N, C-alpha and C. Protein backbone atom coordinates (compact mmCIF):
# COMPACT_ATOMS: atom_id res chain seq x y z
N MET A 1 47.01 -20.01 -38.80
CA MET A 1 45.82 -20.71 -38.36
C MET A 1 44.61 -19.78 -38.35
N GLY A 2 44.76 -18.51 -37.98
CA GLY A 2 43.64 -17.59 -37.98
C GLY A 2 42.76 -17.75 -36.77
N SER A 3 41.63 -17.07 -36.82
CA SER A 3 40.74 -17.04 -35.66
C SER A 3 39.93 -18.31 -35.49
N GLY A 4 39.71 -19.03 -36.56
CA GLY A 4 38.95 -20.26 -36.46
C GLY A 4 37.46 -20.03 -36.37
N SER A 5 37.01 -18.79 -36.57
CA SER A 5 35.60 -18.49 -36.40
C SER A 5 34.71 -19.29 -37.34
N GLU A 6 35.24 -19.69 -38.52
CA GLU A 6 34.45 -20.47 -39.45
C GLU A 6 34.14 -21.86 -38.90
N ARG A 7 34.99 -22.37 -38.02
CA ARG A 7 34.84 -23.73 -37.50
C ARG A 7 34.07 -23.78 -36.18
N ARG A 8 33.77 -22.65 -35.60
CA ARG A 8 33.14 -22.64 -34.28
C ARG A 8 31.64 -22.91 -34.36
N ARG A 9 31.18 -23.71 -33.40
CA ARG A 9 29.75 -23.98 -33.29
C ARG A 9 29.11 -23.05 -32.28
N PHE A 10 29.91 -22.46 -31.39
CA PHE A 10 29.39 -21.58 -30.35
C PHE A 10 29.93 -20.17 -30.56
N GLU A 11 29.08 -19.19 -30.32
CA GLU A 11 29.46 -17.79 -30.48
C GLU A 11 30.57 -17.41 -29.52
N ARG A 12 31.46 -16.53 -29.95
CA ARG A 12 32.50 -15.96 -29.10
C ARG A 12 32.15 -14.51 -28.83
N PHE A 13 32.49 -14.04 -27.64
CA PHE A 13 32.24 -12.67 -27.23
C PHE A 13 33.57 -11.98 -26.97
N GLN A 14 33.75 -10.82 -27.57
CA GLN A 14 34.98 -10.05 -27.37
C GLN A 14 34.98 -9.45 -25.97
N HIS A 15 36.08 -9.61 -25.26
CA HIS A 15 36.20 -9.04 -23.92
C HIS A 15 37.68 -9.05 -23.54
N SER A 16 38.14 -7.94 -23.00
CA SER A 16 39.53 -7.83 -22.57
C SER A 16 39.58 -7.82 -21.05
N ALA A 17 40.42 -8.70 -20.49
CA ALA A 17 40.55 -8.78 -19.03
C ALA A 17 41.85 -9.50 -18.70
N PRO A 18 42.48 -9.15 -17.58
CA PRO A 18 43.68 -9.89 -17.18
C PRO A 18 43.31 -11.27 -16.64
N ILE A 19 44.05 -12.28 -17.06
CA ILE A 19 43.87 -13.64 -16.56
C ILE A 19 45.24 -14.22 -16.24
N VAL A 20 45.25 -15.35 -15.59
CA VAL A 20 46.47 -16.12 -15.38
C VAL A 20 46.18 -17.56 -15.74
N PHE A 21 47.24 -18.29 -16.13
CA PHE A 21 47.06 -19.71 -16.43
C PHE A 21 48.30 -20.47 -15.97
N ALA A 22 48.11 -21.76 -15.74
CA ALA A 22 49.20 -22.65 -15.36
C ALA A 22 48.99 -23.98 -16.06
N LEU A 23 50.09 -24.65 -16.38
CA LEU A 23 49.97 -26.00 -16.89
C LEU A 23 49.32 -26.86 -15.82
N ARG A 24 48.50 -27.81 -16.23
CA ARG A 24 47.81 -28.67 -15.27
C ARG A 24 48.84 -29.35 -14.35
N GLY A 25 48.59 -29.28 -13.04
CA GLY A 25 49.47 -29.87 -12.06
C GLY A 25 50.58 -28.94 -11.59
N SER A 26 50.64 -27.73 -12.14
CA SER A 26 51.67 -26.77 -11.76
C SER A 26 51.05 -25.63 -10.96
N ASP A 27 51.86 -25.00 -10.11
CA ASP A 27 51.38 -23.81 -9.41
C ASP A 27 52.11 -22.57 -9.92
N GLN A 28 52.75 -22.68 -11.08
CA GLN A 28 53.47 -21.57 -11.71
C GLN A 28 52.53 -20.86 -12.68
N PHE A 29 51.84 -19.82 -12.20
CA PHE A 29 50.89 -19.11 -13.04
C PHE A 29 51.59 -18.06 -13.90
N VAL A 30 51.07 -17.89 -15.11
CA VAL A 30 51.62 -16.97 -16.10
C VAL A 30 50.55 -15.92 -16.41
N ASP A 31 50.97 -14.66 -16.52
CA ASP A 31 50.05 -13.58 -16.87
C ASP A 31 49.62 -13.69 -18.33
N ALA A 32 48.37 -13.34 -18.60
CA ALA A 32 47.84 -13.34 -19.95
C ALA A 32 46.71 -12.31 -20.01
N SER A 33 46.22 -12.08 -21.22
CA SER A 33 45.14 -11.12 -21.42
C SER A 33 44.05 -11.76 -22.27
N LEU A 34 42.88 -11.95 -21.67
CA LEU A 34 41.73 -12.52 -22.36
C LEU A 34 41.33 -11.60 -23.51
N CYS A 35 40.99 -12.18 -24.66
CA CYS A 35 40.50 -11.36 -25.77
C CYS A 35 39.11 -11.79 -26.24
N ASP A 36 38.74 -13.06 -26.05
CA ASP A 36 37.38 -13.49 -26.36
C ASP A 36 37.07 -14.78 -25.61
N PHE A 37 35.78 -15.06 -25.46
CA PHE A 37 35.36 -16.27 -24.76
C PHE A 37 34.00 -16.71 -25.26
N GLY A 38 33.68 -17.96 -25.00
CA GLY A 38 32.39 -18.52 -25.36
C GLY A 38 32.13 -19.75 -24.52
N ARG A 39 31.08 -20.48 -24.85
CA ARG A 39 30.70 -21.66 -24.05
C ARG A 39 31.71 -22.79 -24.13
N ARG A 40 32.45 -22.90 -25.22
CA ARG A 40 33.37 -24.03 -25.39
C ARG A 40 34.85 -23.64 -25.37
N GLY A 41 35.16 -22.36 -25.24
CA GLY A 41 36.57 -22.00 -25.24
C GLY A 41 36.81 -20.52 -25.10
N MET A 42 38.08 -20.15 -25.21
CA MET A 42 38.47 -18.75 -25.14
C MET A 42 39.76 -18.54 -25.89
N GLY A 43 40.05 -17.27 -26.14
CA GLY A 43 41.31 -16.87 -26.74
C GLY A 43 41.98 -15.86 -25.83
N PHE A 44 43.30 -15.91 -25.79
CA PHE A 44 44.04 -14.95 -24.98
C PHE A 44 45.42 -14.69 -25.56
N PHE A 45 46.03 -13.60 -25.13
CA PHE A 45 47.40 -13.25 -25.51
C PHE A 45 48.32 -13.52 -24.33
N THR A 46 49.52 -13.98 -24.61
CA THR A 46 50.51 -14.21 -23.57
C THR A 46 51.91 -13.96 -24.14
N ALA A 47 52.88 -13.81 -23.26
CA ALA A 47 54.24 -13.44 -23.69
C ALA A 47 55.02 -14.59 -24.32
N GLY A 48 54.65 -15.82 -24.05
CA GLY A 48 55.40 -16.96 -24.58
C GLY A 48 54.49 -17.99 -25.19
N PRO A 49 55.05 -18.90 -25.98
CA PRO A 49 54.23 -19.94 -26.61
C PRO A 49 53.74 -20.97 -25.60
N VAL A 50 52.60 -21.57 -25.92
CA VAL A 50 52.02 -22.65 -25.12
C VAL A 50 51.76 -23.80 -26.10
N ALA A 51 52.23 -24.98 -25.77
CA ALA A 51 52.16 -26.11 -26.70
C ALA A 51 50.72 -26.56 -26.94
N PRO A 52 50.31 -26.68 -28.22
CA PRO A 52 49.00 -27.27 -28.51
C PRO A 52 48.91 -28.67 -27.88
N GLY A 53 47.76 -28.95 -27.32
CA GLY A 53 47.54 -30.22 -26.63
C GLY A 53 47.76 -30.12 -25.13
N ALA A 54 48.46 -29.09 -24.68
CA ALA A 54 48.71 -28.92 -23.24
C ALA A 54 47.40 -28.65 -22.51
N GLU A 55 47.24 -29.22 -21.32
CA GLU A 55 46.10 -28.92 -20.48
C GLU A 55 46.51 -27.82 -19.52
N ILE A 56 45.69 -26.76 -19.45
CA ILE A 56 46.00 -25.62 -18.60
C ILE A 56 44.80 -25.28 -17.72
N TYR A 57 45.09 -24.61 -16.62
CA TYR A 57 44.08 -24.12 -15.69
C TYR A 57 44.09 -22.61 -15.79
N ILE A 58 42.92 -21.99 -16.02
CA ILE A 58 42.81 -20.55 -16.26
C ILE A 58 41.94 -19.91 -15.18
N MET A 59 42.40 -18.77 -14.67
CA MET A 59 41.65 -18.00 -13.66
C MET A 59 41.77 -16.51 -13.97
N THR A 60 40.82 -15.72 -13.43
CA THR A 60 40.97 -14.28 -13.52
C THR A 60 42.07 -13.85 -12.56
N GLU A 61 42.74 -12.78 -12.92
CA GLU A 61 43.82 -12.28 -12.06
C GLU A 61 43.27 -11.41 -10.94
N HIS A 62 42.33 -10.54 -11.28
CA HIS A 62 41.73 -9.64 -10.29
C HIS A 62 40.22 -9.82 -10.35
N TYR A 63 39.65 -10.46 -9.34
CA TYR A 63 38.23 -10.78 -9.33
C TYR A 63 37.40 -9.65 -8.77
N SER A 64 36.31 -9.34 -9.43
CA SER A 64 35.29 -8.44 -8.92
C SER A 64 33.95 -9.06 -9.28
N PRO A 65 33.05 -9.22 -8.31
CA PRO A 65 31.76 -9.86 -8.62
C PRO A 65 30.95 -9.10 -9.66
N ASP A 66 31.28 -7.82 -9.90
CA ASP A 66 30.55 -7.02 -10.87
C ASP A 66 31.13 -7.12 -12.28
N ASP A 67 32.28 -7.76 -12.41
CA ASP A 67 32.93 -7.87 -13.72
C ASP A 67 32.12 -8.74 -14.67
N PHE A 68 32.16 -8.38 -15.94
CA PHE A 68 31.58 -9.19 -17.00
C PHE A 68 32.40 -10.46 -17.11
N GLY A 69 31.77 -11.60 -17.10
CA GLY A 69 32.51 -12.86 -17.20
C GLY A 69 33.20 -13.25 -15.91
N ALA A 70 32.75 -12.73 -14.78
CA ALA A 70 33.41 -13.00 -13.49
C ALA A 70 33.34 -14.47 -13.09
N GLU A 71 32.52 -15.25 -13.78
CA GLU A 71 32.39 -16.68 -13.47
C GLU A 71 33.73 -17.41 -13.59
N ILE A 72 34.62 -16.86 -14.39
CA ILE A 72 35.92 -17.50 -14.59
C ILE A 72 36.79 -17.41 -13.34
N TYR A 73 36.36 -16.66 -12.33
CA TYR A 73 37.12 -16.56 -11.08
C TYR A 73 37.41 -17.94 -10.50
N ASP A 74 36.45 -18.83 -10.56
CA ASP A 74 36.62 -20.17 -10.02
C ASP A 74 37.61 -20.99 -10.85
N GLY A 75 37.85 -20.59 -12.05
CA GLY A 75 38.84 -21.24 -12.90
C GLY A 75 38.23 -22.27 -13.83
N TYR A 76 38.96 -22.52 -14.90
CA TYR A 76 38.55 -23.49 -15.91
C TYR A 76 39.74 -24.32 -16.33
N LEU A 77 39.50 -25.60 -16.52
CA LEU A 77 40.48 -26.47 -17.14
C LEU A 77 40.21 -26.42 -18.64
N ALA A 78 41.26 -26.31 -19.42
CA ALA A 78 41.10 -26.23 -20.87
C ALA A 78 42.28 -26.90 -21.55
N GLN A 79 42.08 -27.23 -22.83
CA GLN A 79 43.16 -27.79 -23.64
C GLN A 79 43.53 -26.78 -24.71
N VAL A 80 44.83 -26.54 -24.87
CA VAL A 80 45.31 -25.62 -25.89
C VAL A 80 45.09 -26.27 -27.25
N ARG A 81 44.35 -25.58 -28.12
CA ARG A 81 44.07 -26.09 -29.46
C ARG A 81 45.07 -25.54 -30.48
N TRP A 82 45.49 -24.29 -30.28
CA TRP A 82 46.46 -23.68 -31.19
C TRP A 82 47.15 -22.52 -30.49
N CYS A 83 48.33 -22.18 -31.00
CA CYS A 83 49.12 -21.06 -30.48
C CYS A 83 49.90 -20.49 -31.65
N GLU A 84 49.81 -19.18 -31.86
CA GLU A 84 50.54 -18.59 -32.98
C GLU A 84 51.13 -17.24 -32.59
N PRO A 85 52.32 -16.95 -33.09
CA PRO A 85 52.95 -15.65 -32.80
C PRO A 85 52.15 -14.53 -33.47
N GLN A 86 52.16 -13.37 -32.85
CA GLN A 86 51.43 -12.23 -33.39
C GLN A 86 52.32 -11.43 -34.33
N THR A 87 51.70 -10.53 -35.06
CA THR A 87 52.42 -9.70 -36.02
C THR A 87 53.39 -8.76 -35.29
N ALA A 88 54.19 -8.06 -36.05
CA ALA A 88 55.18 -7.14 -35.48
C ALA A 88 54.54 -6.11 -34.55
N ALA A 89 53.30 -5.74 -34.81
CA ALA A 89 52.62 -4.76 -33.96
C ALA A 89 52.48 -5.26 -32.53
N ARG A 90 52.44 -6.56 -32.35
CA ARG A 90 52.33 -7.17 -31.01
C ARG A 90 53.57 -8.04 -30.75
N SER A 91 54.70 -7.54 -31.15
CA SER A 91 55.96 -8.28 -31.08
C SER A 91 56.15 -8.98 -29.74
N GLY A 92 56.54 -10.24 -29.83
CA GLY A 92 56.81 -11.01 -28.62
C GLY A 92 55.59 -11.60 -27.95
N ARG A 93 54.42 -11.44 -28.53
CA ARG A 93 53.20 -11.98 -27.95
C ARG A 93 52.68 -13.13 -28.80
N TYR A 94 51.94 -14.00 -28.12
CA TYR A 94 51.32 -15.15 -28.79
C TYR A 94 49.83 -15.12 -28.53
N ARG A 95 49.08 -15.50 -29.53
CA ARG A 95 47.64 -15.67 -29.38
C ARG A 95 47.39 -17.15 -29.20
N VAL A 96 46.62 -17.50 -28.17
CA VAL A 96 46.36 -18.89 -27.81
C VAL A 96 44.86 -19.14 -27.84
N GLY A 97 44.46 -20.24 -28.44
CA GLY A 97 43.06 -20.66 -28.44
C GLY A 97 42.92 -21.94 -27.64
N VAL A 98 41.97 -21.95 -26.71
CA VAL A 98 41.76 -23.13 -25.88
C VAL A 98 40.32 -23.59 -25.97
N GLN A 99 40.11 -24.87 -25.68
CA GLN A 99 38.77 -25.45 -25.66
C GLN A 99 38.54 -26.09 -24.30
N TYR A 100 37.35 -25.85 -23.74
CA TYR A 100 36.98 -26.49 -22.47
C TYR A 100 36.53 -27.92 -22.75
N PRO A 101 36.71 -28.83 -21.79
CA PRO A 101 36.26 -30.21 -21.99
C PRO A 101 34.74 -30.33 -22.12
N VAL A 102 34.00 -29.43 -21.48
CA VAL A 102 32.54 -29.39 -21.58
C VAL A 102 32.13 -27.93 -21.72
N ALA A 103 30.98 -27.70 -22.33
CA ALA A 103 30.48 -26.34 -22.48
C ALA A 103 30.17 -25.71 -21.13
N THR A 104 30.52 -24.43 -21.00
CA THR A 104 30.24 -23.71 -19.75
C THR A 104 28.85 -23.09 -19.83
N GLY A 105 28.33 -22.69 -18.70
CA GLY A 105 27.02 -22.05 -18.64
C GLY A 105 27.08 -20.56 -18.90
N PHE A 106 28.24 -19.95 -18.65
CA PHE A 106 28.30 -18.51 -18.90
C PHE A 106 28.38 -18.27 -20.39
N ALA A 107 28.01 -17.12 -20.82
CA ALA A 107 27.95 -16.72 -22.23
C ALA A 107 26.71 -17.26 -22.92
N ASP A 108 25.76 -17.77 -22.15
CA ASP A 108 24.48 -18.15 -22.76
C ASP A 108 23.79 -16.88 -23.20
N GLY A 109 23.25 -16.89 -24.39
CA GLY A 109 22.58 -15.71 -24.91
C GLY A 109 21.33 -15.54 -24.22
């Protein structure tokens, strides 16, 4: 599937930070690592696959008001658009792309 950058209407910003996510309606949070974000979505790495179409709730794992992108502390509902296994260099990890139902205010240029 690739990065999808050709299909994006909103710019993505590279940023690495620990996050957690849970399937909508669940309190079972899973560790993940943010790799990019923008007004309409984000990408992250996680240890297991997440089904495209699944609705998930995403939050930062360790909040600091001084952190770049700290607005995600309150959490975001998103839909998984794609999930793909990573190369051997990142064995056992999956890259996940999600889209928010509405554009967020953070990441405005």
